[in-house]
């Protein structure tokens, strides 16, 4: 939702074409990490890999790795 809100702010209008173009130019931190877009408007962002493990009899998420975009 914040991507859309930032797109509206950047476009300075609610016009859908202008907002779409403004969102495509965004590059910044969002709840899932830094997001930017390629020429085809595909998101470019790192992905966190978690593993579900048992600790003290409870299933918890354990960080495994981060895969960064090229």
N, C-alpha and C. Protein backbone atom coordinates (compact mmCIF):
# COMPACT_ATOMS: atom_id res chain seq x y z
N UNK A 1 0.82 -1.19 0.00
CA UNK A 1 0.00 0.00 0.00
C UNK A 1 0.87 1.26 0.00
N UNK A 2 2.00 1.19 0.70
CA UNK A 2 2.87 2.36 0.76
C UNK A 2 3.48 2.68 -0.60
N UNK A 3 3.69 1.66 -1.44
CA UNK A 3 4.17 1.91 -2.80
C UNK A 3 3.17 2.78 -3.56
N UNK A 4 1.90 2.46 -3.43
CA UNK A 4 0.86 3.22 -4.13
C UNK A 4 0.80 4.64 -3.57
N UNK A 5 0.84 4.75 -2.23
CA UNK A 5 0.79 6.08 -1.61
C UNK A 5 2.00 6.92 -2.06
N UNK A 6 3.18 6.31 -2.08
CA UNK A 6 4.36 7.05 -2.54
C UNK A 6 4.27 7.39 -4.02
N UNK A 7 3.67 6.51 -4.80
CA UNK A 7 3.46 6.78 -6.22
C UNK A 7 2.53 7.96 -6.44
N UNK A 8 1.47 8.03 -5.66
CA UNK A 8 0.52 9.15 -5.75
C UNK A 8 1.22 10.45 -5.37
N UNK A 9 2.00 10.40 -4.28
CA UNK A 9 2.73 11.60 -3.85
C UNK A 9 3.72 12.05 -4.93
N UNK A 10 4.46 11.08 -5.49
CA UNK A 10 5.46 11.42 -6.51
C UNK A 10 4.80 11.95 -7.78
N UNK A 11 3.65 11.38 -8.15
CA UNK A 11 2.95 11.81 -9.36
C UNK A 11 2.25 13.15 -9.15
N UNK A 12 1.86 13.41 -7.90
CA UNK A 12 1.13 14.65 -7.61
C UNK A 12 -0.29 14.62 -8.12
N UNK A 13 -0.81 13.42 -8.39
CA UNK A 13 -2.16 13.26 -8.92
C UNK A 13 -2.64 11.83 -8.64
N UNK A 14 -3.94 11.63 -8.80
CA UNK A 14 -4.50 10.29 -8.69
C UNK A 14 -4.67 9.63 -10.05
N UNK A 15 -4.23 10.29 -11.11
CA UNK A 15 -4.32 9.73 -12.45
C UNK A 15 -3.56 8.41 -12.50
N UNK A 16 -4.26 7.34 -12.90
CA UNK A 16 -3.66 6.00 -12.83
C UNK A 16 -2.41 5.85 -13.68
N UNK A 17 -2.37 6.44 -14.86
CA UNK A 17 -1.18 6.34 -15.70
C UNK A 17 0.01 7.05 -15.07
N UNK A 18 -0.25 8.21 -14.51
CA UNK A 18 0.83 8.97 -13.87
C UNK A 18 1.34 8.25 -12.62
N UNK A 19 0.42 7.69 -11.84
CA UNK A 19 0.81 6.95 -10.64
C UNK A 19 1.61 5.71 -11.02
N UNK A 20 1.16 4.98 -12.05
CA UNK A 20 1.87 3.79 -12.50
C UNK A 20 3.29 4.13 -12.91
N UNK A 21 3.47 5.23 -13.64
CA UNK A 21 4.80 5.65 -14.06
C UNK A 21 5.65 6.07 -12.86
N UNK A 22 5.05 6.74 -11.90
CA UNK A 22 5.79 7.19 -10.71
C UNK A 22 6.21 6.00 -9.85
N UNK A 23 5.34 5.00 -9.69
CA UNK A 23 5.69 3.80 -8.92
C UNK A 23 6.87 3.09 -9.57
N UNK A 24 6.90 3.04 -10.88
CA UNK A 24 7.98 2.36 -11.59
C UNK A 24 9.34 3.01 -11.33
N UNK A 25 9.35 4.27 -10.91
CA UNK A 25 10.60 4.99 -10.65
C UNK A 25 11.01 4.97 -9.18
N UNK A 26 10.17 4.39 -8.33
CA UNK A 26 10.48 4.37 -6.90
C UNK A 26 11.68 3.47 -6.62
N UNK A 27 12.44 3.84 -5.63
CA UNK A 27 13.58 3.06 -5.17
C UNK A 27 13.77 3.40 -3.70
N UNK A 28 13.28 2.54 -2.82
CA UNK A 28 13.38 2.89 -1.42
C UNK A 28 13.02 1.75 -0.49
N UNK A 29 13.12 2.01 0.82
CA UNK A 29 12.84 0.99 1.83
C UNK A 29 11.33 0.84 2.08
N UNK A 30 10.89 -0.39 2.08
CA UNK A 30 9.50 -0.71 2.38
C UNK A 30 9.48 -1.87 3.37
N UNK A 31 8.32 -2.28 3.79
CA UNK A 31 8.20 -3.28 4.85
C UNK A 31 8.95 -4.58 4.54
N UNK A 32 9.06 -4.96 3.29
CA UNK A 32 9.77 -6.19 2.93
C UNK A 32 11.21 -5.94 2.49
N UNK A 33 11.69 -4.72 2.63
CA UNK A 33 13.05 -4.37 2.24
C UNK A 33 13.06 -3.32 1.14
N UNK A 34 14.25 -3.03 0.64
CA UNK A 34 14.37 -2.03 -0.42
C UNK A 34 13.78 -2.57 -1.73
N UNK A 35 12.98 -1.77 -2.39
CA UNK A 35 12.35 -2.17 -3.65
C UNK A 35 12.65 -1.13 -4.71
N UNK A 36 13.00 -1.61 -5.88
CA UNK A 36 13.11 -0.78 -7.09
C UNK A 36 12.58 -1.63 -8.23
N UNK A 37 12.44 -1.05 -9.41
CA UNK A 37 11.82 -1.77 -10.53
C UNK A 37 12.71 -1.71 -11.76
N UNK A 38 12.66 -2.78 -12.57
CA UNK A 38 13.43 -2.79 -13.82
C UNK A 38 12.61 -2.12 -14.93
N UNK A 39 13.13 -2.12 -16.13
CA UNK A 39 12.47 -1.45 -17.27
C UNK A 39 11.10 -2.05 -17.59
N UNK A 40 10.90 -3.32 -17.23
CA UNK A 40 9.61 -3.97 -17.46
C UNK A 40 8.69 -3.88 -16.25
N UNK A 41 9.08 -3.07 -15.28
CA UNK A 41 8.31 -2.83 -14.05
C UNK A 41 8.24 -4.06 -13.14
N UNK A 42 9.23 -4.92 -13.24
CA UNK A 42 9.33 -6.06 -12.32
C UNK A 42 10.10 -5.59 -11.09
N UNK A 43 9.65 -5.99 -9.89
CA UNK A 43 10.37 -5.56 -8.69
C UNK A 43 11.74 -6.21 -8.59
N UNK A 44 12.71 -5.42 -8.15
CA UNK A 44 14.06 -5.91 -7.91
C UNK A 44 14.31 -5.72 -6.42
N UNK A 45 14.40 -6.83 -5.69
CA UNK A 45 14.61 -6.74 -4.25
C UNK A 45 15.23 -8.02 -3.73
N UNK A 46 15.87 -7.90 -2.61
CA UNK A 46 16.48 -9.07 -1.97
C UNK A 46 15.38 -9.97 -1.40
N UNK A 47 15.71 -11.24 -1.27
CA UNK A 47 14.79 -12.21 -0.69
C UNK A 47 15.48 -12.86 0.50
N UNK A 48 14.79 -12.89 1.62
CA UNK A 48 15.31 -13.55 2.81
C UNK A 48 14.84 -15.01 2.80
N UNK A 49 15.76 -15.93 3.05
CA UNK A 49 15.41 -17.34 3.11
C UNK A 49 15.42 -17.77 4.57
N UNK A 50 14.30 -18.28 5.02
CA UNK A 50 14.14 -18.74 6.39
C UNK A 50 13.92 -20.25 6.38
N UNK A 51 14.32 -20.89 7.46
CA UNK A 51 14.09 -22.32 7.63
C UNK A 51 13.28 -22.50 8.91
N UNK A 52 12.31 -23.39 8.90
CA UNK A 52 11.54 -23.69 10.10
C UNK A 52 12.27 -24.79 10.85
N UNK A 53 12.66 -24.49 12.09
CA UNK A 53 13.41 -25.44 12.90
C UNK A 53 12.73 -25.60 14.25
N UNK A 54 13.08 -26.66 14.93
CA UNK A 54 12.54 -26.91 16.27
C UNK A 54 13.56 -26.44 17.30
N UNK A 55 13.13 -25.55 18.18
CA UNK A 55 13.96 -25.07 19.29
C UNK A 55 13.15 -25.16 20.57
N UNK A 56 13.68 -25.87 21.51
CA UNK A 56 13.00 -26.04 22.80
C UNK A 56 11.57 -26.54 22.63
N UNK A 57 11.38 -27.44 21.68
CA UNK A 57 10.06 -28.03 21.45
C UNK A 57 9.09 -27.14 20.68
N UNK A 58 9.57 -26.00 20.17
CA UNK A 58 8.70 -25.09 19.42
C UNK A 58 9.27 -24.91 18.02
N UNK A 59 8.39 -24.77 17.04
CA UNK A 59 8.82 -24.47 15.68
C UNK A 59 9.04 -22.96 15.55
N UNK A 60 10.21 -22.60 15.07
CA UNK A 60 10.54 -21.18 14.91
C UNK A 60 11.23 -20.98 13.56
N UNK A 61 11.22 -19.75 13.10
CA UNK A 61 11.93 -19.39 11.86
C UNK A 61 13.39 -19.13 12.20
N UNK A 62 14.26 -19.67 11.38
CA UNK A 62 15.70 -19.42 11.52
C UNK A 62 16.21 -18.85 10.21
N UNK A 63 16.92 -17.76 10.29
CA UNK A 63 17.50 -17.12 9.12
C UNK A 63 18.52 -18.05 8.47
N UNK A 64 18.44 -18.21 7.13
CA UNK A 64 19.40 -19.04 6.40
C UNK A 64 20.30 -18.17 5.53
N UNK A 65 19.70 -17.29 4.74
CA UNK A 65 20.50 -16.50 3.78
C UNK A 65 19.66 -15.38 3.19
N UNK A 66 20.36 -14.47 2.53
CA UNK A 66 19.72 -13.41 1.75
C UNK A 66 20.20 -13.56 0.32
N UNK A 67 19.26 -13.55 -0.62
CA UNK A 67 19.60 -13.60 -2.04
C UNK A 67 19.37 -12.20 -2.58
N UNK A 68 20.44 -11.56 -3.04
CA UNK A 68 20.35 -10.20 -3.54
C UNK A 68 20.17 -10.17 -5.06
N UNK A 69 19.45 -9.19 -5.56
CA UNK A 69 19.28 -9.08 -7.01
C UNK A 69 20.59 -8.72 -7.69
N UNK A 70 20.68 -9.04 -8.95
CA UNK A 70 21.88 -8.71 -9.71
C UNK A 70 21.82 -7.30 -10.23
